[in-house]
Amino acid sequence: MLKAKVSIVVLLVLALGLALTGCGKKSGTASGSTGPVEIEFVYMSPGWKAPTWGADPVTAKMEERTGVRLKLSASPGDANQLANVWLASKDYPEMMHMSIGPIYNSYITAGALYSLNELADKYGYPDITNGNYIYADVFNAQKSADGKLYMAPNWFSDDGFGSVGQSMNVRNDIYNQLGKPPLDTMDQVYSYLLKVRDANLQSPFGAKLWALSMGEDNNYPGYIANLWGAQIYKYYYFDPADQKVKLMLRNNATVKMLQWLSRAFKDGVLDPESLTYNGTIQTEAYNQQKHAVIFDWLWNLWTPNSAMSQKDPNMYFYSAPAPQGTPGVQQYHGRYTKLADQGVVVTKNAKNPDAAIKFINFFLSPEGETLDFYGIEGKTMFFENGEPRLYPEAYTAKLADWDGFAFEAGVRVLDIMMNQKYNWERTQESPDRRQDRATAHKYAFDASIQNTIVVDPLSTEGILAAELDANMKAQLFTIIREPDQNKIPGLVQALLAQWEQKGIASLEAEWTKQYIDSARKMGAL
């Protein structure tokens, strides 16, 4: 079956070869040329909208300052399958933006990536490694087991800003229409959802309006379970009682979450399409405005909010305080982290690694970060007491057409190695968005240490971790479809027994070892 899937992906790659001309063996402009050095750069997400390099003033300025021109594209089709095919054929792009996980680990293990600290040392860019551009805690925590850094992090910080956005998003007009009942507990939320269902409402486009939806993020079942007091991230949690990292199936909050969602599914409260979302389908569903409550990242509602509020200023989603699942137990929802879970890598197919690290160094510098976040001085931004600021009209234009303004003016046109220190959302975000962020952050826990766990993909534990990542959400959603909530504890135990037979205890031991090691390195133990 695996061979069949790989064959399908190979055919896909061949069929879309024109979109990815230049992978691996095909080189760009030689570093000795008088023109810019061309480097192929693939963002490993099919949903990424690649700008045309040089069509906006920011990428044009980056080329001017670095002598580097990125040949940008998004991965067609499933990014993980495609990355595996590339790795097997050794025909991967010169640079990639990818997530930290089993595929990233496989590239490291295969020796397919340059070590960024070695490139920085070789070509004379000490600010990458000395704490100036990448904070020492982030640099140390994100190094691999061999002590090397293979990824320039994206969306990292020294305080966790911007990394949390999971919330219960409530549509304001419907909530007001139905009497604004209390939503302080999960039971109260459920009563409200039944009220929405029984109101037989329609979306502005005439479709059935569902009471509840949830995000397609693989981690989202765990985020909802955290409302019952857990701190689950990436299907596992740290149990302070015995200082071990454990699979989420061992936490009773997982059972409570599954029972609650099972009831919502059975009662016609939960949109069944949300159990099969991918990113594109989710975006389309949100834009159709057919939900009253959505458990998801708050920024996934920003574009629908803009469209809705133009029709009716009272029609928008806001982040409500996280409801409590277990009386007397502190609820959580999302997590924050200082570390990145994605970033930019330079592969061994890079014909000009010196140009690649030069570009990375520039992007991570104050000039580069300010350029991507704010655009061009005098056009979209200015300096006030030495601090960058967007012009008010630029901020308004950015929110009105996020991608369009990026392609036109260059404000956040790439978003590939972002340091939250420079994020204009810290100081210039609108009051409603700032309030939504504050609400989300209030109910988040610090998952920085959990975020450092990276298991060797070629080890027995790594193979099991990849299997877990590929299957756990679907297994949980199968349980959600069980109409008898009384059967769910048994189903969870049966699923746990399956993973125990596969050797989950060994993987939990590896998680625990890495967690403890990182906690000590970061001064948490």
Protein backbone atom coordinates (compact mmCIF):
# COMPACT_ATOMS: atom_id res chain seq x y z
CA MET A 1 0.00 0.00 0.00
CA LEU A 2 2.86 2.36 0.87
CA LYS A 3 4.54 1.64 -2.48
CA ALA A 4 1.29 2.45 -4.26
CA LYS A 5 1.00 5.78 -2.45
CA VAL A 6 4.59 6.66 -3.27
CA SER A 7 3.99 5.82 -6.93
CA ILE A 8 0.99 8.11 -7.01
CA VAL A 9 3.03 10.93 -5.53
CA VAL A 10 5.86 10.32 -8.02
CA LEU A 11 3.37 10.67 -10.84
CA LEU A 12 2.08 13.86 -9.24
CA VAL A 13 5.57 15.27 -9.04
CA LEU A 14 6.21 14.44 -12.69
CA ALA A 15 2.89 15.92 -13.77
CA LEU A 16 3.62 19.13 -11.91
CA GLY A 17 7.26 19.28 -12.86
CA LEU A 18 6.89 22.61 -14.59
CA ALA A 19 5.76 24.15 -11.32
CA LEU A 20 8.88 22.91 -9.59
CA THR A 21 11.53 23.32 -12.27
CA GLY A 22 14.95 23.42 -10.74
CA CYS A 23 14.70 20.98 -7.81
CA GLY A 24 17.95 19.60 -6.56
CA LYS A 25 20.25 19.02 -9.49
CA LYS A 26 19.17 22.09 -11.49
CA SER A 27 21.14 25.14 -10.43
CA GLY A 28 20.42 28.87 -10.49
CA THR A 29 22.78 31.68 -11.32
CA ALA A 30 26.34 30.87 -10.32
CA SER A 31 27.74 32.74 -7.35
CA GLY A 32 30.48 34.19 -9.57
CA SER A 33 27.98 35.83 -11.89
CA THR A 34 27.35 39.55 -11.92
CA GLY A 35 23.61 38.91 -11.59
CA PRO A 36 21.70 37.80 -8.49
CA VAL A 37 22.17 34.29 -7.15
CA GLU A 38 18.99 32.32 -7.77
CA ILE A 39 17.98 29.81 -5.12
CA GLU A 40 14.96 27.56 -5.39
CA PHE A 41 12.79 27.89 -2.31
CA VAL A 42 9.73 25.71 -1.68
CA TYR A 43 7.29 26.43 1.13
CA MET A 44 6.08 23.00 2.23
CA SER A 45 2.38 23.77 2.36
CA PRO A 46 0.07 23.66 -0.65
CA GLY A 47 -1.99 26.47 0.84
CA TRP A 48 0.86 29.00 0.81
CA LYS A 49 0.44 31.77 -1.72
CA ALA A 50 3.83 32.36 -3.28
CA PRO A 51 4.54 35.96 -4.26
CA THR A 52 6.32 36.80 -7.48
CA TRP A 53 9.84 37.70 -6.41
CA GLY A 54 10.66 41.31 -7.12
CA ALA A 55 7.08 42.31 -7.94
CA ASP A 56 6.76 43.97 -4.54
CA PRO A 57 9.20 46.51 -3.06
CA VAL A 58 10.22 44.31 -0.14
CA THR A 59 11.51 41.29 -2.07
CA ALA A 60 13.08 43.72 -4.54
CA LYS A 61 14.90 45.41 -1.65
CA MET A 62 15.97 42.04 -0.22
CA GLU A 63 17.53 41.14 -3.56
CA GLU A 64 19.27 44.51 -3.67
CA ARG A 65 20.68 44.06 -0.15
CA THR A 66 21.72 40.40 -0.47
CA GLY A 67 22.26 39.67 -4.15
CA VAL A 68 19.91 36.69 -3.73
CA ARG A 69 16.76 35.98 -5.69
CA LEU A 70 14.47 33.26 -4.32
CA LYS A 71 12.52 31.21 -6.86
CA LEU A 72 9.43 30.76 -4.71
CA SER A 73 6.76 28.07 -4.91
CA ALA A 74 4.42 26.12 -2.66
CA SER A 75 4.45 22.35 -2.53
CA PRO A 76 1.76 20.86 -4.77
CA GLY A 77 -0.28 18.20 -3.04
CA ASP A 78 0.56 16.55 0.26
CA ALA A 79 3.74 18.19 1.57
CA ASN A 80 4.87 15.25 3.69
CA GLN A 81 4.50 12.68 0.91
CA LEU A 82 6.25 14.98 -1.52
CA ALA A 83 9.11 15.63 0.92
CA ASN A 84 9.54 11.88 1.38
CA VAL A 85 9.70 11.32 -2.37
CA TRP A 86 12.26 14.09 -2.73
CA LEU A 87 14.35 12.63 0.07
CA ALA A 88 14.26 9.15 -1.44
CA SER A 89 15.36 10.49 -4.82
CA LYS A 90 17.75 13.07 -3.34
CA ASP A 91 16.09 15.62 -5.63
CA TYR A 92 14.92 18.09 -3.00
CA PRO A 93 14.92 21.89 -3.47
CA GLU A 94 17.83 24.05 -2.39
CA MET A 95 15.90 25.71 0.45
CA MET A 96 12.62 24.79 2.11
CA HIS A 97 10.26 26.12 4.73
CA MET A 98 9.05 23.08 6.64
CA SER A 99 7.61 21.97 9.97
CA ILE A 100 9.61 20.34 12.74
CA GLY A 101 8.53 16.72 12.88
CA PRO A 102 9.28 13.26 11.48
CA ILE A 103 9.99 14.49 7.94
CA TYR A 104 12.38 17.18 9.17
CA ASN A 105 14.09 14.59 11.36
CA SER A 106 14.44 12.26 8.38
CA TYR A 107 16.22 14.97 6.39
CA ILE A 108 18.65 15.52 9.27
CA THR A 109 19.31 11.82 9.71
CA ALA A 110 19.88 11.38 5.97
CA GLY A 111 22.46 14.17 5.98
CA ALA A 112 20.35 16.18 3.54
CA LEU A 113 20.61 19.49 5.40
CA TYR A 114 23.42 21.92 6.05
CA SER A 115 24.07 22.84 9.64
CA LEU A 116 23.30 26.55 9.88
CA ASN A 117 25.78 27.17 12.68
CA GLU A 118 28.53 25.57 10.60
CA LEU A 119 27.58 27.70 7.57
CA ALA A 120 27.45 30.79 9.77
CA ASP A 121 30.90 30.04 11.15
CA LYS A 122 32.37 29.23 7.73
CA TYR A 123 31.07 32.34 5.98
CA GLY A 124 31.34 34.80 8.84
CA TYR A 125 27.82 35.47 10.19
CA PRO A 126 28.34 35.27 13.98
CA ASP A 127 25.06 37.05 14.84
CA ILE A 128 23.14 33.90 13.88
CA THR A 129 24.89 31.90 16.58
CA ASN A 130 25.88 34.37 19.31
CA GLY A 131 22.39 35.22 20.55
CA ASN A 132 21.97 38.50 18.68
CA TYR A 133 19.55 37.26 16.03
CA ILE A 134 18.31 33.99 17.53
CA TYR A 135 17.91 34.11 21.31
CA ALA A 136 20.31 31.80 23.13
CA ASP A 137 17.48 29.85 24.77
CA VAL A 138 15.80 29.35 21.40
CA PHE A 139 19.06 28.44 19.67
CA ASN A 140 20.04 25.91 22.34
CA ALA A 141 16.59 24.38 22.66
CA GLN A 142 16.13 23.96 18.90
CA LYS A 143 19.49 22.31 18.25
CA SER A 144 19.34 18.66 17.27
CA ALA A 145 20.83 15.83 19.29
CA ASP A 146 24.17 16.32 17.52
CA GLY A 147 24.36 19.87 18.88
CA LYS A 148 23.78 21.52 15.50
CA LEU A 149 21.05 23.88 14.32
CA TYR A 150 19.52 22.86 11.01
CA MET A 151 16.62 25.28 10.83
CA ALA A 152 16.29 29.05 10.97
CA PRO A 153 13.22 29.30 13.22
CA ASN A 154 9.99 30.98 12.21
CA TRP A 155 7.74 32.82 14.69
CA PHE A 156 10.08 32.57 17.68
CA SER A 157 10.24 34.97 20.63
CA ASP A 158 11.70 35.59 24.05
CA ASP A 159 8.27 35.71 25.73
CA GLY A 160 5.84 33.53 23.76
CA PHE A 161 4.05 36.42 22.10
CA GLY A 162 2.01 35.46 19.05
CA SER A 163 2.35 31.71 19.52
CA VAL A 164 -1.00 31.29 21.23
CA GLY A 165 -4.28 31.82 19.46
CA GLN A 166 -6.47 28.86 20.33
CA SER A 167 -9.84 29.97 21.64
CA MET A 168 -13.57 29.43 21.68
CA ASN A 169 -14.72 31.84 18.99
CA VAL A 170 -18.35 32.93 19.39
CA ARG A 171 -20.32 34.71 16.70
CA ASN A 172 -21.49 37.91 18.29
CA ASP A 173 -24.77 38.53 16.44
CA ILE A 174 -26.12 35.03 17.04
CA TYR A 175 -25.08 35.12 20.69
CA ASN A 176 -26.94 38.41 21.17
CA GLN A 177 -29.94 37.13 19.25
CA LEU A 178 -30.24 34.12 21.55
CA GLY A 179 -30.13 36.09 24.78
CA LYS A 180 -26.41 36.05 25.69
CA PRO A 181 -26.58 33.05 28.07
CA PRO A 182 -23.57 32.31 30.33
CA LEU A 183 -20.77 30.30 28.73
CA ASP A 184 -18.60 29.76 31.80
CA THR A 185 -18.69 25.96 31.78
CA MET A 186 -18.71 23.30 29.10
CA ASP A 187 -22.23 22.33 30.23
CA GLN A 188 -23.41 25.90 29.70
CA VAL A 189 -21.72 25.98 26.31
CA TYR A 190 -23.53 22.79 25.36
CA SER A 191 -26.88 24.24 26.37
CA TYR A 192 -26.16 27.24 24.17
CA LEU A 193 -25.24 25.00 21.23
CA LEU A 194 -28.58 23.18 21.56
CA LYS A 195 -30.32 26.54 21.51
CA VAL A 196 -28.52 27.43 18.29
CA ARG A 197 -29.47 24.10 16.75
CA ASP A 198 -33.11 24.48 17.67
CA ALA A 199 -33.24 28.01 16.23
CA ASN A 200 -32.82 26.53 12.72
CA LEU A 201 -30.67 29.42 11.53
CA GLN A 202 -29.10 29.84 8.11
CA SER A 203 -25.82 31.29 6.98
CA PRO A 204 -25.88 34.56 5.00
CA PHE A 205 -25.50 32.38 1.90
CA GLY A 206 -28.59 30.30 2.66
CA ALA A 207 -26.83 27.16 3.94
CA LYS A 208 -27.67 25.41 7.19
CA LEU A 209 -25.98 27.08 10.14
CA TRP A 210 -24.25 24.57 12.41
CA ALA A 211 -23.85 25.30 16.09
CA LEU A 212 -20.26 24.03 16.40
CA SER A 213 -17.11 23.49 14.39
CA MET A 214 -13.51 22.76 15.32
CA GLY A 215 -10.17 23.41 13.63
CA GLU A 216 -8.32 20.95 11.44
CA ASP A 217 -5.07 21.29 13.43
CA ASN A 218 -3.93 17.77 14.43
CA ASN A 219 -3.46 19.02 17.98
CA TYR A 220 -6.97 20.39 18.38
CA PRO A 221 -8.56 17.39 20.14
CA GLY A 222 -5.91 17.84 22.82
CA TYR A 223 -6.54 21.58 23.05
CA ILE A 224 -10.24 20.93 23.71
CA ALA A 225 -9.36 18.24 26.27
CA ASN A 226 -7.32 20.85 28.11
CA LEU A 227 -10.57 22.58 29.05
CA TRP A 228 -10.95 19.76 31.58
CA GLY A 229 -7.60 20.65 33.15
CA ALA A 230 -5.00 18.82 31.06
CA GLN A 231 -1.91 20.30 29.37
CA ILE A 232 -1.81 18.20 26.22
CA TYR A 233 0.29 19.15 23.22
CA LYS A 234 1.19 16.95 20.25
CA TYR A 235 -0.76 13.98 21.67
CA TYR A 236 1.19 13.91 24.93
CA TYR A 237 1.47 15.73 28.25
CA PHE A 238 3.88 15.96 31.17
CA ASP A 239 2.63 14.39 34.39
CA PRO A 240 4.38 16.26 37.23
CA ALA A 241 3.31 13.66 39.79
CA ASP A 242 5.74 11.08 38.47
CA GLN A 243 7.83 13.31 36.19
CA LYS A 244 6.90 11.46 33.01
CA VAL A 245 5.61 12.40 29.59
CA LYS A 246 2.57 10.32 28.70
CA LEU A 247 0.29 9.64 25.76
CA MET A 248 -2.90 11.70 25.93
CA LEU A 249 -5.01 8.52 26.11
CA ARG A 250 -3.81 8.10 29.71
CA ASN A 251 -5.38 11.41 30.73
CA ASN A 252 -9.01 11.33 31.83
CA ALA A 253 -9.53 14.76 30.24
CA THR A 254 -9.25 12.99 26.87
CA VAL A 255 -12.23 10.80 27.79
CA LYS A 256 -14.23 13.84 28.86
CA MET A 257 -13.43 15.63 25.60
CA LEU A 258 -14.44 12.65 23.49
CA GLN A 259 -17.70 12.19 25.38
CA TRP A 260 -18.58 15.86 24.98
CA LEU A 261 -17.86 15.87 21.24
CA SER A 262 -19.59 12.51 20.78
CA ARG A 263 -22.72 13.96 22.30
CA ALA A 264 -22.42 17.02 20.05
CA PHE A 265 -22.04 14.79 17.00
CA LYS A 266 -25.00 12.60 17.93
CA ASP A 267 -27.26 15.55 18.75
CA GLY A 268 -26.60 17.29 15.44
CA VAL A 269 -24.67 20.10 17.09
CA LEU A 270 -21.21 19.45 15.62
CA ASP A 271 -20.74 20.04 11.90
CA PRO A 272 -19.65 16.57 10.68
CA GLU A 273 -17.59 18.18 7.92
CA SER A 274 -15.23 19.52 10.58
CA LEU A 275 -14.08 15.94 11.24
CA THR A 276 -12.70 15.72 7.70
CA TYR A 277 -11.33 19.23 7.23
CA ASN A 278 -8.11 20.04 5.53
CA GLY A 279 -6.86 23.62 5.48
CA THR A 280 -8.52 24.55 2.20
CA ILE A 281 -11.92 23.05 3.05
CA GLN A 282 -11.82 24.67 6.49
CA THR A 283 -11.14 28.10 5.00
CA GLU A 284 -14.01 27.68 2.57
CA ALA A 285 -16.37 26.61 5.38
CA TYR A 286 -15.45 29.59 7.53
CA ASN A 287 -15.87 31.98 4.61
CA GLN A 288 -19.36 30.55 4.09
CA GLN A 289 -20.12 31.77 7.64
CA LYS A 290 -22.10 28.71 8.63
CA HIS A 291 -21.11 28.26 12.29
CA ALA A 292 -22.08 29.87 15.60
CA VAL A 293 -19.15 28.64 17.72
CA ILE A 294 -15.73 27.57 16.45
CA PHE A 295 -12.94 26.07 18.55
CA ASP A 296 -9.89 27.10 16.54
CA TRP A 297 -7.00 29.53 16.19
CA LEU A 298 -8.49 33.00 16.48
CA TRP A 299 -6.66 34.32 13.40
CA ASN A 300 -8.40 31.73 11.22
CA LEU A 301 -11.53 33.84 11.78
CA TRP A 302 -10.01 37.19 10.82
CA THR A 303 -10.79 36.98 7.11
CA PRO A 304 -14.40 35.81 7.67
CA ASN A 305 -14.75 38.53 10.31
CA SER A 306 -13.74 41.19 7.82
CA ALA A 307 -16.31 39.99 5.30
CA MET A 308 -19.09 39.62 7.87
CA SER A 309 -18.56 42.95 9.59
CA GLN A 310 -18.83 44.74 6.25
CA LYS A 311 -22.37 43.35 5.93
CA ASP A 312 -23.28 43.98 9.56
CA PRO A 313 -20.97 45.58 12.16
CA ASN A 314 -22.43 43.25 14.82
CA MET A 315 -21.65 40.12 12.79
CA TYR A 316 -18.23 38.82 13.82
CA PHE A 317 -16.50 36.20 15.97
CA TYR A 318 -14.80 37.11 19.23
CA SER A 319 -12.67 35.01 21.58
CA ALA A 320 -14.71 34.08 24.63
CA PRO A 321 -13.08 33.07 27.93
CA ALA A 322 -12.26 29.37 27.97
CA PRO A 323 -15.13 27.45 29.60
CA GLN A 324 -14.36 25.18 32.53
CA GLY A 325 -14.80 21.45 32.01
CA THR A 326 -14.18 20.13 35.54
CA PRO A 327 -15.52 22.14 38.51
CA GLY A 328 -12.70 23.41 40.69
CA VAL A 329 -10.00 22.49 38.17
CA GLN A 330 -8.13 25.21 36.23
CA GLN A 331 -9.02 25.00 32.57
CA TYR A 332 -6.55 25.54 29.75
CA HIS A 333 -7.11 25.69 26.04
CA GLY A 334 -4.10 26.48 23.93
CA ARG A 335 -0.40 26.61 24.59
CA TYR A 336 2.31 29.18 24.06
CA THR A 337 5.93 28.60 23.28
CA LYS A 338 9.02 30.70 22.78
CA LEU A 339 10.27 28.21 20.24
CA ALA A 340 9.41 27.65 16.62
CA ASP A 341 7.74 24.55 15.24
CA GLN A 342 8.67 25.44 11.67
CA GLY A 343 11.34 27.31 9.79
CA VAL A 344 13.80 27.47 6.89
CA VAL A 345 16.37 24.83 5.99
CA VAL A 346 19.22 24.76 3.46
CA THR A 347 19.61 21.40 1.75
CA LYS A 348 22.78 19.82 0.47
CA ASN A 349 21.46 20.46 -3.06
CA ALA A 350 22.06 24.17 -2.58
CA LYS A 351 24.58 25.22 -5.22
CA ASN A 352 25.45 28.39 -3.32
CA PRO A 353 25.19 27.72 0.42
CA ASP A 354 27.17 30.90 1.02
CA ALA A 355 24.35 32.90 -0.61
CA ALA A 356 21.72 30.94 1.29
CA ILE A 357 23.25 31.69 4.70
CA LYS A 358 23.81 35.31 3.65
CA PHE A 359 20.10 35.64 2.92
CA ILE A 360 19.17 33.97 6.22
CA ASN A 361 21.51 36.29 8.11
CA PHE A 362 19.98 39.36 6.45
CA PHE A 363 16.40 38.23 7.06
CA LEU A 364 17.09 37.58 10.77
CA SER A 365 18.81 40.95 11.19
CA PRO A 366 16.90 43.97 12.51
CA GLU A 367 16.87 45.42 9.01
CA GLY A 368 15.52 42.24 7.44
CA GLU A 369 12.88 41.60 10.11
CA THR A 370 11.70 45.21 9.97
CA LEU A 371 11.59 45.09 6.19
CA ASP A 372 9.34 42.03 6.03
CA PHE A 373 7.11 43.05 8.94
CA TYR A 374 6.68 46.71 7.98
CA GLY A 375 7.63 47.22 4.36
CA ILE A 376 9.45 50.25 2.95
CA GLU A 377 10.17 53.36 5.02
CA GLY A 378 8.19 56.34 3.79
CA LYS A 379 5.69 54.15 1.96
CA THR A 380 4.12 51.79 4.51
CA MET A 381 6.14 52.54 7.66
CA PHE A 382 8.08 55.16 9.58
CA PHE A 383 10.28 55.24 12.68
CA GLU A 384 9.10 56.81 15.92
CA ASN A 385 11.73 57.21 18.65
CA GLY A 386 13.76 54.59 16.82
CA GLU A 387 10.90 52.07 16.72
CA PRO A 388 9.23 50.97 13.48
CA ARG A 389 5.55 51.81 13.00
CA LEU A 390 3.09 51.11 10.23
CA TYR A 391 1.25 54.07 8.83
CA PRO A 392 -2.40 53.83 9.94
CA GLU A 393 -3.57 53.58 6.35
CA ALA A 394 -1.12 50.72 5.75
CA TYR A 395 -2.47 48.87 8.78
CA THR A 396 -6.03 49.34 7.53
CA ALA A 397 -5.12 48.19 4.03
CA LYS A 398 -3.32 45.13 5.39
CA LEU A 399 -6.33 44.00 7.38
CA ALA A 400 -8.71 44.70 4.49
CA ASP A 401 -6.74 42.51 2.04
CA TRP A 402 -4.01 40.57 3.80
CA ASP A 403 -2.50 38.78 0.82
CA GLY A 404 -3.25 41.44 -1.75
CA PHE A 405 -1.51 44.14 0.27
CA ALA A 406 1.44 41.82 0.88
CA PHE A 407 1.91 41.23 -2.84
CA GLU A 408 1.49 44.93 -3.60
CA ALA A 409 3.37 46.66 -0.77
CA GLY A 410 5.45 43.80 0.64
CA VAL A 411 4.16 43.98 4.23
CA ARG A 412 4.65 40.46 5.59
CA VAL A 413 5.02 39.13 2.07
CA LEU A 414 7.19 36.15 3.06
CA ASP A 415 6.62 35.34 6.77
CA ILE A 416 9.37 32.73 6.77
CA MET A 417 11.85 33.52 9.61
CA MET A 418 9.89 35.85 11.83
CA ASN A 419 11.13 37.13 15.19
CA GLN A 420 8.14 38.21 17.28
CA LYS A 421 10.19 41.04 18.75
CA TYR A 422 9.52 43.02 15.57
CA ASN A 423 5.86 42.08 15.17
CA TRP A 424 3.71 45.20 14.75
CA GLU A 425 0.83 43.26 16.27
CA ARG A 426 2.46 43.89 19.65
CA THR A 427 1.81 47.63 19.50
CA GLN A 428 -0.50 48.44 16.61
CA GLU A 429 -3.07 45.70 16.62
CA SER A 430 -6.70 46.84 16.76
CA PRO A 431 -8.34 46.76 20.22
CA ASP A 432 -10.65 43.85 19.35
CA ARG A 433 -7.81 41.64 18.12
CA ARG A 434 -5.65 42.62 21.06
CA GLN A 435 -8.46 41.61 23.41
CA ASP A 436 -8.89 38.29 21.61
CA ARG A 437 -5.16 37.56 21.98
CA ALA A 438 -5.26 38.47 25.67
CA THR A 439 -8.17 36.12 26.23
CA ALA A 440 -6.44 33.27 24.44
CA HIS A 441 -3.19 33.86 26.33
CA LYS A 442 -4.98 33.88 29.68
CA TYR A 443 -5.92 30.23 29.26
CA ALA A 444 -2.70 28.96 27.66
CA PHE A 445 0.07 26.95 29.28
CA ASP A 446 3.80 27.08 28.53
CA ALA A 447 4.62 24.24 26.14
CA SER A 448 8.13 25.41 25.26
CA ILE A 449 9.76 22.33 26.73
CA GLN A 450 7.34 19.93 25.05
CA ASN A 451 8.07 21.69 21.78
CA THR A 452 11.74 20.65 21.96
CA ILE A 453 10.99 16.93 21.78
CA VAL A 454 12.28 15.51 18.48
CA VAL A 455 12.57 11.73 18.13
CA ASP A 456 15.07 10.11 15.75
CA PRO A 457 12.85 9.02 12.81
CA LEU A 458 14.96 5.94 12.08
CA SER A 459 14.73 4.62 15.63
CA THR A 460 11.99 2.23 16.73
CA GLU A 461 10.52 5.06 18.78
CA GLY A 462 10.71 7.46 15.85
CA ILE A 463 8.86 5.09 13.55
CA LEU A 464 6.14 4.72 16.18
CA ALA A 465 6.00 8.50 16.67
CA ALA A 466 5.42 8.96 12.93
CA GLU A 467 2.66 6.36 13.03
CA LEU A 468 1.09 8.11 15.99
CA ASP A 469 1.19 11.48 14.26
CA ALA A 470 -0.40 10.00 11.14
CA ASN A 471 -3.20 8.11 12.85
CA MET A 472 -4.15 9.47 16.27
CA LYS A 473 -6.53 12.23 15.18
CA ALA A 474 -8.45 9.87 12.89
CA GLN A 475 -8.66 7.30 15.70
CA LEU A 476 -10.01 9.91 18.11
CA PHE A 477 -12.55 11.09 15.53
CA THR A 478 -13.72 7.49 15.07
CA ILE A 479 -14.49 7.41 18.78
CA ILE A 480 -16.33 10.73 18.52
CA ARG A 481 -18.71 9.09 16.04
CA GLU A 482 -19.71 6.52 18.71
CA PRO A 483 -23.28 7.50 19.74
CA ASP A 484 -23.17 5.80 23.16
CA GLN A 485 -21.04 7.98 25.44
CA ASN A 486 -20.94 5.22 28.06
CA LYS A 487 -18.85 3.12 25.68
CA ILE A 488 -16.20 5.78 25.18
CA PRO A 489 -14.03 5.04 28.27
CA GLY A 490 -13.79 1.44 27.11
CA LEU A 491 -12.97 2.49 23.56
CA VAL A 492 -10.20 4.75 24.85
CA GLN A 493 -8.75 1.91 26.91
CA ALA A 494 -8.92 -0.43 23.93
CA LEU A 495 -7.11 2.11 21.78
CA LEU A 496 -4.51 2.63 24.50
CA ALA A 497 -3.99 -1.15 24.66
CA GLN A 498 -3.32 -1.18 20.90
CA TRP A 499 -0.64 1.48 21.30
CA GLU A 500 0.85 -0.33 24.28
CA GLN A 501 1.18 -3.46 22.14
CA LYS A 502 3.02 -1.34 19.59
CA GLY A 503 5.49 -0.21 22.27
CA ILE A 504 4.21 3.21 23.31
CA ALA A 505 5.95 2.84 26.69
CA SER A 506 9.32 2.98 24.93
CA LEU A 507 8.29 6.13 23.08
CA GLU A 508 7.00 7.68 26.32
CA ALA A 509 10.39 6.94 27.91
CA GLU A 510 12.14 8.77 25.02
CA TRP A 511 9.73 11.71 25.33
CA THR A 512 10.41 11.85 29.05
CA LYS A 513 14.19 11.72 28.62
CA GLN A 514 14.14 14.58 26.13
CA TYR A 515 11.68 16.59 28.22
CA ILE A 516 13.84 16.32 31.33
CA ASP A 517 17.01 17.11 29.38
CA SER A 518 15.42 20.20 27.81
CA ALA A 519 13.92 21.32 31.11
CA ARG A 520 17.35 21.26 32.70
CA LYS A 521 18.92 23.03 29.72
CA MET A 522 16.25 25.75 29.90
CA GLY A 523 16.55 26.05 33.69
CA ALA A 524 13.08 24.68 34.44
CA LEU A 525 14.40 21.83 36.62
